């Protein structure tokens, strides 16, 4: 379906309905009749009831259109083709769709495929016209009925407020159901994985060696989580050790010491770091930072690999500096001036005021920025894919290669995967582990913020 045509139709219908409702209610108000609601509410109500039927028609076609198209394609195929296996039939339907769309297919197209593609092209054009006409007709009916309801006693404002309330509740429900769906899918697939591998072996195992089997059905190999968890925590800890002092000190300087001109130059430059793609950071770590750290290690007599937890952690720390500095900057600037002026008036120096008044008052926001940065570091993938070395072993030396949970998820789901095998299902168990880790961080942040907010409100 041509989305540009559909969007244009909806916008035209929306604008015409709004204008019609506004004009009619405005004429009543100008003529001296006292109306309950302002013309804008009447116009919004007419526009809503004109748009809703059209959206319902388009939504129904979006839900059932593909099924109808598939049924039509099957009706155009010869009997000997429809009797094929489900997999071969899907391949044939896909080829017909590709021919109809103009992309072409591998090999020479059969006569029945060209005929079915031509019929499908005509079917799409006909159904598109029918759906658009039906949407326009239902919208016109809704517009006609809605504008007839306009009268001085119509409580349009109350209806619009109820509609907005329902829409807001619907958005909240969608957000909640999305979270529930994600958690449910992770739990379901993780439980399937634990039918192959014992949870004790997974959560307390010290060896990670999935050992993909040729059939993909056996639980060959070992699935110990601890090497991956240790690598994730090590890289995240190094990143936080780099980002927290730099980010926090930057925020303090920009809010307490920098002139407005310096702040206007430095703050946007720092925030540019957040807009750099993570793959660019990964290349930077692999090509520049890794060899640089390895050279420093050789000069000091230390064994530091170019791809290591230290390389990934340092570059990741640079990446999350804006998360800490920008959020801490905004929080520190929200500290009331009366608290700072009171401290300075009592004889405290500027540094003492920052340490004893400003930072404690802004601590809930700073903790939130810190935990947001930790979550960002734990969930980062591309930097550790390129810079950490992908070596799933328990190592205490940060200068050696490690692997993380996110990198392993990528590895397990790359290529042709059979989601009935533990080699692929383990990715869902790893994802569930990451979810629990971030959940614990959020709960801890909520506890700390509530505790200190009671003290400084």
Protein backbone atom coordinates (compact mmCIF):
# COMPACT_ATOMS: atom_id res chain seq x y z
CA UNK A 1 0.00 0.00 0.00
CA UNK A 2 1.33 3.41 -1.00
CA UNK A 3 1.89 5.04 2.38
CA UNK A 4 2.34 8.52 0.88
CA UNK A 5 -1.12 8.44 -0.66
CA UNK A 6 -2.69 7.10 2.52
CA UNK A 7 -0.91 9.69 4.70
CA UNK A 8 -1.99 12.48 2.33
CA UNK A 9 -5.59 11.26 2.43
CA UNK A 10 -5.61 11.17 6.22
CA UNK A 11 -4.06 14.63 6.52
CA UNK A 12 -6.55 16.12 4.06
CA UNK A 13 -9.44 14.48 5.87
CA UNK A 14 -8.13 15.66 9.22
CA UNK A 15 -7.65 19.25 8.05
CA UNK A 16 -11.02 19.46 6.30
CA UNK A 17 -12.89 17.98 9.29
CA UNK A 18 -11.16 20.32 11.73
CA UNK A 19 -11.89 23.36 9.60
CA UNK A 20 -15.53 22.37 9.11
CA UNK A 21 -16.10 21.82 12.82
CA UNK A 22 -14.32 25.05 13.74
CA UNK A 23 -16.27 27.12 11.20
CA UNK A 24 -19.66 25.79 12.29
CA UNK A 25 -19.03 26.29 16.01
CA UNK A 26 -17.42 29.67 15.35
CA UNK A 27 -20.47 30.85 13.42
CA UNK A 28 -22.69 29.91 16.34
CA UNK A 29 -20.47 31.84 18.75
CA UNK A 30 -20.36 34.92 16.50
CA UNK A 31 -24.13 34.93 16.12
CA UNK A 32 -24.49 35.50 19.85
CA UNK A 33 -25.36 31.96 20.91
CA UNK A 34 -23.65 30.91 24.12
CA UNK A 35 -21.86 27.60 23.54
CA UNK A 36 -20.48 25.28 26.19
CA UNK A 37 -17.05 24.68 24.62
CA UNK A 38 -14.70 26.74 22.52
CA UNK A 39 -14.64 26.20 18.73
CA UNK A 40 -11.27 24.46 18.93
CA UNK A 41 -12.83 21.65 21.02
CA UNK A 42 -15.69 21.21 18.56
CA UNK A 43 -13.21 21.13 15.67
CA UNK A 44 -11.02 18.57 17.42
CA UNK A 45 -14.03 16.38 18.17
CA UNK A 46 -15.22 16.44 14.54
CA UNK A 47 -11.69 15.70 13.30
CA UNK A 48 -11.39 12.75 15.69
CA UNK A 49 -14.65 11.11 14.65
CA UNK A 50 -13.81 11.65 10.99
CA UNK A 51 -10.35 10.12 11.35
CA UNK A 52 -11.25 7.17 13.60
CA UNK A 53 -13.34 5.15 11.08
CA UNK A 54 -10.71 5.60 8.36
CA UNK A 55 -7.99 4.42 10.72
CA UNK A 56 -10.06 1.38 11.68
CA UNK A 57 -10.45 0.40 8.03
CA UNK A 58 -6.74 0.83 7.37
CA UNK A 59 -5.89 -1.08 10.55
CA UNK A 60 -8.08 -4.02 9.59
CA UNK A 61 -6.41 -4.21 6.19
CA UNK A 62 -2.99 -4.03 7.83
CA UNK A 63 -3.94 -6.99 10.02
CA UNK A 64 -5.63 -9.19 7.44
CA UNK A 65 -4.28 -7.86 4.14
CA UNK A 66 -1.28 -10.17 4.03
CA UNK A 67 -3.46 -13.21 4.67
CA UNK A 68 -5.83 -12.17 1.88
CA UNK A 69 -2.90 -11.63 -0.48
CA UNK A 70 -1.45 -15.03 0.33
CA UNK A 71 -4.82 -16.70 -0.24
CA UNK A 72 -5.12 -14.97 -3.61
CA UNK A 73 -1.63 -16.11 -4.65
CA UNK A 74 -2.45 -19.71 -3.74
CA UNK A 75 -5.61 -19.49 -5.83
CA UNK A 76 -3.52 -18.56 -8.89
CA UNK A 77 -1.14 -21.51 -8.59
CA UNK A 78 -1.60 -24.85 -10.37
CA UNK A 79 -2.74 -27.83 -8.35
CA UNK A 80 0.61 -29.59 -8.59
CA UNK A 81 2.31 -26.56 -7.04
CA UNK A 82 -0.14 -26.13 -4.14
CA UNK A 83 0.42 -29.78 -3.22
CA UNK A 84 4.11 -29.17 -2.49
CA UNK A 85 5.54 -29.15 1.01
CA UNK A 86 5.05 -26.07 3.16
CA UNK A 87 8.70 -25.01 2.77
CA UNK A 88 8.66 -25.32 -1.04
CA UNK A 89 5.34 -23.51 -1.21
CA UNK A 90 6.74 -20.62 0.82
CA UNK A 91 9.66 -20.38 -1.59
CA UNK A 92 7.25 -20.21 -4.54
CA UNK A 93 5.12 -17.51 -2.88
CA UNK A 94 8.25 -15.52 -2.11
CA UNK A 95 9.40 -15.75 -5.73
CA UNK A 96 6.02 -14.55 -6.97
CA UNK A 97 6.10 -11.60 -4.59
CA UNK A 98 9.60 -10.69 -5.78
CA UNK A 99 8.58 -10.88 -9.44
CA UNK A 100 5.53 -8.71 -8.74
CA UNK A 101 7.62 -6.12 -6.90
CA UNK A 102 10.16 -5.97 -9.74
CA UNK A 103 13.17 -7.24 -7.79
CA UNK A 104 13.50 -10.39 -9.89
CA UNK A 105 14.41 -13.90 -8.84
CA UNK A 106 17.30 -16.30 -9.12
CA UNK A 107 17.03 -18.40 -12.26
CA UNK A 108 14.37 -18.26 -14.93
CA UNK A 109 10.83 -17.53 -13.82
CA UNK A 110 8.24 -20.15 -14.74
CA UNK A 111 5.16 -19.30 -16.79
CA UNK A 112 2.78 -19.85 -13.85
CA UNK A 113 4.99 -17.59 -11.71
CA UNK A 114 4.77 -14.73 -14.21
CA UNK A 115 1.02 -15.21 -14.53
CA UNK A 116 0.54 -15.26 -10.77
CA UNK A 117 2.75 -12.17 -10.39
CA UNK A 118 0.72 -10.27 -12.97
CA UNK A 119 -2.52 -11.28 -11.26
CA UNK A 120 -1.06 -10.27 -7.91
CA UNK A 121 -0.11 -6.87 -9.30
CA UNK A 122 -3.68 -6.29 -10.47
CA UNK A 123 -5.03 -7.59 -7.14
CA UNK A 124 -2.87 -5.15 -5.19
CA UNK A 125 -3.96 -2.20 -7.32
CA UNK A 126 -7.63 -3.16 -6.96
CA UNK A 127 -7.49 -3.76 -3.21
CA UNK A 128 -5.52 -0.55 -2.67
CA UNK A 129 -8.18 1.47 -4.46
CA UNK A 130 -10.94 -0.35 -2.58
CA UNK A 131 -9.33 0.16 0.84
CA UNK A 132 -8.63 3.84 0.19
CA UNK A 133 -12.17 4.40 -1.09
CA UNK A 134 -13.65 2.56 1.90
CA UNK A 135 -11.50 4.54 4.35
CA UNK A 136 -12.56 7.81 2.68
CA UNK A 137 -16.22 6.80 2.68
CA UNK A 138 -16.26 5.76 6.33
CA UNK A 139 -14.38 8.94 7.23
CA UNK A 140 -16.94 11.00 5.35
CA UNK A 141 -19.78 9.26 7.21
CA UNK A 142 -18.06 9.93 10.53
CA UNK A 143 -17.53 13.56 9.53
CA UNK A 144 -21.18 13.99 8.57
CA UNK A 145 -22.47 12.49 11.81
CA UNK A 146 -19.98 14.39 13.97
CA UNK A 147 -20.68 17.81 12.51
CA UNK A 148 -24.42 17.27 12.94
CA UNK A 149 -23.86 16.89 16.67
CA UNK A 150 -22.50 20.42 16.98
CA UNK A 151 -24.90 22.51 19.05
CA UNK A 152 -24.56 25.04 21.87
CA UNK A 153 -25.10 22.41 24.57
CA UNK A 154 -22.57 19.90 23.22
CA UNK A 155 -19.89 19.34 25.86
CA UNK A 156 -17.10 18.98 23.30
CA UNK A 157 -14.38 19.87 25.79
CA UNK A 158 -15.42 17.09 28.15
CA UNK A 159 -15.47 14.54 25.32
CA UNK A 160 -12.07 15.64 24.05
CA UNK A 161 -10.63 15.36 27.55
CA UNK A 162 -12.06 11.85 27.89
CA UNK A 163 -10.62 10.89 24.51
CA UNK A 164 -7.20 12.27 25.47
CA UNK A 165 -7.37 10.40 28.78
CA UNK A 166 -8.16 7.15 26.98
CA UNK A 167 -5.29 7.75 24.54
CA UNK A 168 -2.88 8.40 27.40
CA UNK A 169 -4.02 5.27 29.20
CA UNK A 170 -3.62 3.35 25.96
CA UNK A 171 -0.06 4.59 25.54
CA UNK A 172 0.73 3.59 29.11
CA UNK A 173 -0.78 0.15 28.56
CA UNK A 174 1.27 -0.29 25.38
CA UNK A 175 4.46 0.56 27.28
CA UNK A 176 3.58 -1.84 30.09
CA UNK A 177 2.57 -4.64 27.74
CA UNK A 178 5.77 -4.16 25.75
CA UNK A 179 7.82 -4.61 28.89
CA UNK A 180 5.76 -7.62 29.95
CA UNK A 181 6.11 -9.13 26.47
CA UNK A 182 9.89 -8.71 26.48
CA UNK A 183 10.21 -10.25 29.92
CA UNK A 184 7.82 -13.09 29.06
CA UNK A 185 9.69 -13.95 25.87
CA UNK A 186 13.01 -13.94 27.71
CA UNK A 187 11.63 -16.12 30.50
CA UNK A 188 10.00 -18.61 28.13
CA UNK A 189 13.10 -19.13 26.00
CA UNK A 190 15.39 -19.11 29.05
CA UNK A 191 13.32 -21.88 30.65
CA UNK A 192 13.64 -23.87 27.42
CA UNK A 193 17.40 -23.46 27.66
CA UNK A 194 17.43 -24.65 31.27
CA UNK A 195 15.80 -27.90 30.14
CA UNK A 196 19.09 -28.62 28.37
CA UNK A 197 21.55 -27.10 30.84
CA UNK A 198 21.32 -27.03 34.62
CA UNK A 199 20.87 -23.52 36.10
CA UNK A 200 23.62 -24.29 38.60
CA UNK A 201 26.04 -25.14 35.80
CA UNK A 202 25.04 -21.98 33.96
CA UNK A 203 25.15 -19.43 36.79
CA UNK A 204 28.15 -20.90 38.63
CA UNK A 205 30.12 -22.47 35.81
CA UNK A 206 33.61 -21.13 35.14
CA UNK A 207 34.06 -22.45 31.59
CA UNK A 208 32.35 -21.05 28.51
CA UNK A 209 32.62 -23.37 25.51
CA UNK A 210 29.25 -23.79 23.71
CA UNK A 211 30.62 -26.32 21.22
CA UNK A 212 28.11 -26.09 18.37
CA UNK A 213 27.15 -29.56 17.30
CA UNK A 214 26.53 -30.57 13.70
CA UNK A 215 22.86 -31.24 14.38
CA UNK A 216 22.36 -28.26 16.66
CA UNK A 217 20.16 -30.31 19.00
CA UNK A 218 22.61 -31.56 21.58
CA UNK A 219 23.73 -29.67 24.66
CA UNK A 220 27.38 -30.16 23.80
CA UNK A 221 29.95 -27.90 25.41
CA UNK A 222 29.92 -25.96 28.65
CA UNK A 223 27.84 -22.87 29.43
CA UNK A 224 29.44 -21.23 32.45
CA UNK A 225 28.28 -17.62 32.91
CA UNK A 226 30.98 -16.41 35.29
CA UNK A 227 33.68 -15.66 32.66
CA UNK A 228 31.23 -13.53 30.68
CA UNK A 229 29.83 -11.83 33.78
CA UNK A 230 33.32 -11.07 35.04
CA UNK A 231 34.36 -9.62 31.70
CA UNK A 232 31.22 -7.46 31.60
CA UNK A 233 31.76 -6.11 35.10
CA UNK A 234 35.47 -5.53 34.50
CA UNK A 235 34.91 -3.50 31.33
CA UNK A 236 32.04 -1.56 32.94
CA UNK A 237 34.13 -0.83 36.05
CA UNK A 238 37.04 0.50 33.98
CA UNK A 239 34.62 2.64 31.97
CA UNK A 240 33.09 4.10 35.13
CA UNK A 241 36.54 4.78 36.64
CA UNK A 242 37.32 6.80 33.52
CA UNK A 243 33.97 8.52 33.03
CA UNK A 244 32.82 9.31 36.57
CA UNK A 245 35.63 11.62 37.73
CA UNK A 246 36.01 13.30 34.34
CA UNK A 247 32.28 13.73 33.83
CA UNK A 248 31.56 14.93 37.36
CA UNK A 249 34.52 17.33 37.48
CA UNK A 250 33.51 18.68 34.06
CA UNK A 251 29.98 19.32 35.32
CA UNK A 252 31.29 21.07 38.43
CA UNK A 253 33.61 23.27 36.39
CA UNK A 254 30.94 24.23 33.87
CA UNK A 255 28.37 25.11 36.54
CA UNK A 256 30.58 26.68 39.23
CA UNK A 257 33.71 28.12 37.63
CA UNK A 258 33.31 28.54 33.86
CA UNK A 259 32.20 31.82 32.33
CA UNK A 260 29.02 31.76 30.19
CA UNK A 261 31.14 32.05 27.05
CA UNK A 262 33.35 29.11 27.96
CA UNK A 263 30.31 27.07 28.99
CA UNK A 264 28.58 27.81 25.70
CA UNK A 265 31.59 26.43 23.82
CA UNK A 266 32.64 23.48 25.98
CA UNK A 267 29.26 21.93 26.79
CA UNK A 268 28.16 21.36 23.15
CA UNK A 269 31.58 19.92 22.31
CA UNK A 270 31.32 17.40 25.16
CA UNK A 271 27.78 16.47 24.19
CA UNK A 272 28.99 15.71 20.65
CA UNK A 273 30.65 12.60 22.10
CA UNK A 274 27.19 11.12 22.72
CA UNK A 275 26.32 11.47 19.02
CA UNK A 276 29.28 9.49 17.70
CA UNK A 277 28.23 5.97 16.60
CA UNK A 278 29.56 3.22 18.81
CA UNK A 279 31.08 1.43 15.82
CA UNK A 280 33.31 4.50 15.34
CA UNK A 281 34.40 4.21 18.95
CA UNK A 282 35.15 0.55 18.29
CA UNK A 283 37.36 1.37 15.32
CA UNK A 284 39.06 4.09 17.35
CA UNK A 285 39.77 1.61 20.14
CA UNK A 286 41.02 -1.06 17.74
CA UNK A 287 43.25 1.17 15.62
CA UNK A 288 44.44 3.88 18.00
CA UNK A 289 43.84 3.31 21.70
CA UNK A 290 44.71 -0.41 21.75
CA UNK A 291 48.16 -0.05 20.14
CA UNK A 292 48.80 3.07 22.25
CA UNK A 293 48.09 1.23 25.52
CA UNK A 294 50.13 -1.76 24.34
CA UNK A 295 53.07 0.57 23.63
CA UNK A 296 52.80 2.13 27.09
CA UNK A 297 52.68 -1.34 28.62
CA UNK A 298 55.83 -2.40 26.75
CA UNK A 299 57.62 0.74 27.93
CA UNK A 300 56.66 0.02 31.55
CA UNK A 301 57.28 -3.72 31.33
CA UNK A 302 53.57 -4.60 31.58
CA UNK A 303 51.73 -7.13 29.46
CA UNK A 304 48.90 -5.12 27.87
CA UNK A 305 47.29 -6.47 24.73
CA UNK A 306 45.97 -4.20 22.01
CA UNK A 307 42.56 -5.86 22.37
CA UNK A 308 41.79 -6.14 26.06
CA UNK A 309 39.36 -5.19 28.78
CA UNK A 310 41.44 -2.08 29.45
CA UNK A 311 41.16 -0.86 25.86
CA UNK A 312 37.42 -1.45 25.71
CA UNK A 313 36.87 0.09 29.15
CA UNK A 314 38.85 3.25 28.45
CA UNK A 315 37.10 3.95 25.16
CA UNK A 316 33.71 3.10 26.63
CA UNK A 317 34.45 5.50 29.49
CA UNK A 318 35.10 8.27 26.97
CA UNK A 319 31.80 7.41 25.29
CA UNK A 320 29.71 7.71 28.47
CA UNK A 321 31.32 10.91 29.74
CA UNK A 322 28.47 13.02 28.26
CA UNK A 323 25.88 10.91 30.10
CA UNK A 324 27.42 11.81 33.43
CA UNK A 325 28.55 15.36 32.68
CA UNK A 326 25.35 16.58 30.99
CA UNK A 327 22.96 15.05 33.51
CA UNK A 328 25.08 16.13 36.48
CA UNK A 329 25.36 19.61 34.97
CA UNK A 330 21.59 19.92 34.75
CA UNK A 331 21.10 18.61 38.28
CA UNK A 332 23.72 20.87 39.85
CA UNK A 333 22.23 23.92 38.17
CA UNK A 334 18.88 23.08 39.79
CA UNK A 335 20.31 23.47 43.31
CA UNK A 336 18.67 26.61 44.76
CA UNK A 337 20.88 29.70 44.80
CA UNK A 338 19.73 30.39 48.35
CA UNK A 339 21.64 27.34 49.58
CA UNK A 340 24.84 28.42 47.85
CA UNK A 341 24.50 32.04 48.93
CA UNK A 342 23.77 30.97 52.50
CA UNK A 343 26.91 28.85 52.60
CA UNK A 344 29.05 31.63 51.16
CA UNK A 345 27.45 34.13 53.52
CA UNK A 346 28.46 32.00 56.50
CA UNK A 347 32.09 32.25 55.42
CA UNK A 348 32.57 29.01 53.47
CA UNK A 349 34.85 29.09 50.45
CA UNK A 350 33.58 28.19 47.00
CA UNK A 351 35.20 24.77 47.11
CA UNK A 352 33.72 24.08 50.57
CA UNK A 353 30.29 25.17 49.31
CA UNK A 354 30.58 22.75 46.40
CA UNK A 355 31.70 19.85 48.58
CA UNK A 356 29.38 20.40 51.55
CA UNK A 357 26.26 21.96 50.01
CA UNK A 358 25.98 21.69 46.23
CA UNK A 359 27.10 18.08 45.73
CA UNK A 360 25.04 16.66 48.65
CA UNK A 361 21.94 18.54 47.46
CA UNK A 362 22.42 17.29 43.89
CA UNK A 363 23.41 13.76 44.95
CA UNK A 364 20.15 12.02 43.89
CA UNK A 365 20.49 13.31 40.35
CA UNK A 366 24.20 12.52 40.26
CA UNK A 367 23.50 8.97 41.42
CA UNK A 368 20.86 8.65 38.70
CA UNK A 369 23.36 9.83 36.08
CA UNK A 370 25.95 7.41 37.43
CA UNK A 371 23.61 4.43 37.29
CA UNK A 372 22.41 5.40 33.82
CA UNK A 373 26.03 5.40 32.71
CA UNK A 374 26.59 2.00 34.35
CA UNK A 375 23.58 0.55 32.53
CA UNK A 376 24.88 2.02 29.27
CA UNK A 377 28.29 0.46 29.87
CA UNK A 378 26.87 -2.96 30.75
CA UNK A 379 24.71 -3.05 27.63
CA UNK A 380 27.32 -1.78 25.15
CA UNK A 381 28.16 -4.18 22.33
CA UNK A 382 30.11 -2.78 19.38
CA UNK A 383 33.05 -1.39 21.34
CA UNK A 384 33.66 -4.66 23.17
CA UNK A 385 33.14 -6.67 19.98
CA UNK A 386 36.07 -4.88 18.37
CA UNK A 387 38.26 -3.96 21.32
CA UNK A 388 37.83 -6.54 24.11
CA UNK A 389 39.28 -9.55 22.27
CA UNK A 390 36.32 -11.95 22.62
CA UNK A 391 38.12 -14.36 24.92
CA UNK A 392 35.66 -15.92 27.43
CA UNK A 393 38.08 -16.83 30.20
CA UNK A 394 38.34 -15.80 33.83
CA UNK A 395 41.24 -13.33 33.98
CA UNK A 396 42.17 -10.84 36.69
CA UNK A 397 44.53 -8.88 34.46
CA UNK A 398 42.58 -6.10 32.66
CA UNK A 399 45.32 -5.97 30.04
CA UNK A 400 44.27 -9.35 28.62
CA UNK A 401 41.38 -10.13 26.24
CA UNK A 402 37.96 -10.87 27.73
CA UNK A 403 34.43 -11.41 26.52
CA UNK A 404 31.17 -9.91 27.74
CA UNK A 405 27.54 -10.99 27.88
CA UNK A 406 26.48 -8.75 24.99
CA UNK A 407 29.27 -9.96 22.71
CA UNK A 408 28.34 -13.56 23.43
CA UNK A 409 24.68 -12.89 22.60
CA UNK A 410 25.79 -11.55 19.23
CA UNK A 411 27.99 -14.58 18.63
CA UNK A 412 25.27 -17.07 19.55
CA UNK A 413 22.67 -15.46 17.30
CA UNK A 414 24.89 -14.81 14.28
CA UNK A 415 24.39 -16.91 11.17
CA UNK A 416 21.87 -19.69 10.64
CA UNK A 417 20.40 -20.40 14.05
CA UNK A 418 18.12 -23.15 15.24
CA UNK A 419 16.08 -21.77 18.12
CA UNK A 420 15.40 -25.26 19.38
CA UNK A 421 19.04 -25.85 20.32
CA UNK A 422 20.77 -24.75 23.53
CA UNK A 423 23.52 -23.10 21.47
CA UNK A 424 21.01 -20.42 20.45
CA UNK A 425 18.64 -20.50 23.42
CA UNK A 426 21.52 -19.54 25.71
CA UNK A 427 21.31 -16.02 24.23
CA UNK A 428 17.92 -15.57 25.92
CA UNK A 429 19.31 -16.73 29.26
CA UNK A 430 22.12 -14.20 28.87
CA UNK A 431 19.61 -11.49 27.96
CA UNK A 432 17.56 -12.33 31.04
CA UNK A 433 20.71 -11.99 33.14
CA UNK A 434 21.38 -8.53 31.73
CA UNK A 435 17.77 -7.56 32.41
CA UNK A 436 18.05 -8.61 36.05
CA UNK A 437 21.32 -6.71 36.44
CA UNK A 438 19.85 -3.46 35.11
CA UNK A 439 16.73 -3.99 37.22
CA UNK A 440 18.86 -4.25 40.36
CA UNK A 441 20.66 -1.04 39.38
CA UNK A 442 17.35 0.79 38.92
CA UNK A 443 16.02 -0.43 42.26
CA UNK A 444 19.22 0.69 43.99
CA UNK A 445 18.99 4.09 42.31
CA UNK A 446 15.38 4.49 43.40
CA UNK A 447 16.29 3.65 46.99
CA UNK A 448 19.19 6.12 47.10
CA UNK A 449 17.24 8.91 45.42
CA UNK A 450 14.29 8.57 47.81
CA UNK A 451 16.53 8.51 50.85
CA UNK A 452 18.40 11.70 50.01
CA UNK A 453 15.43 13.50 48.49
CA UNK A 454 13.68 13.39 51.87
CA UNK A 455 16.68 15.08 53.39
CA UNK A 456 17.02 17.99 50.95
CA UNK A 457 13.45 18.73 49.81
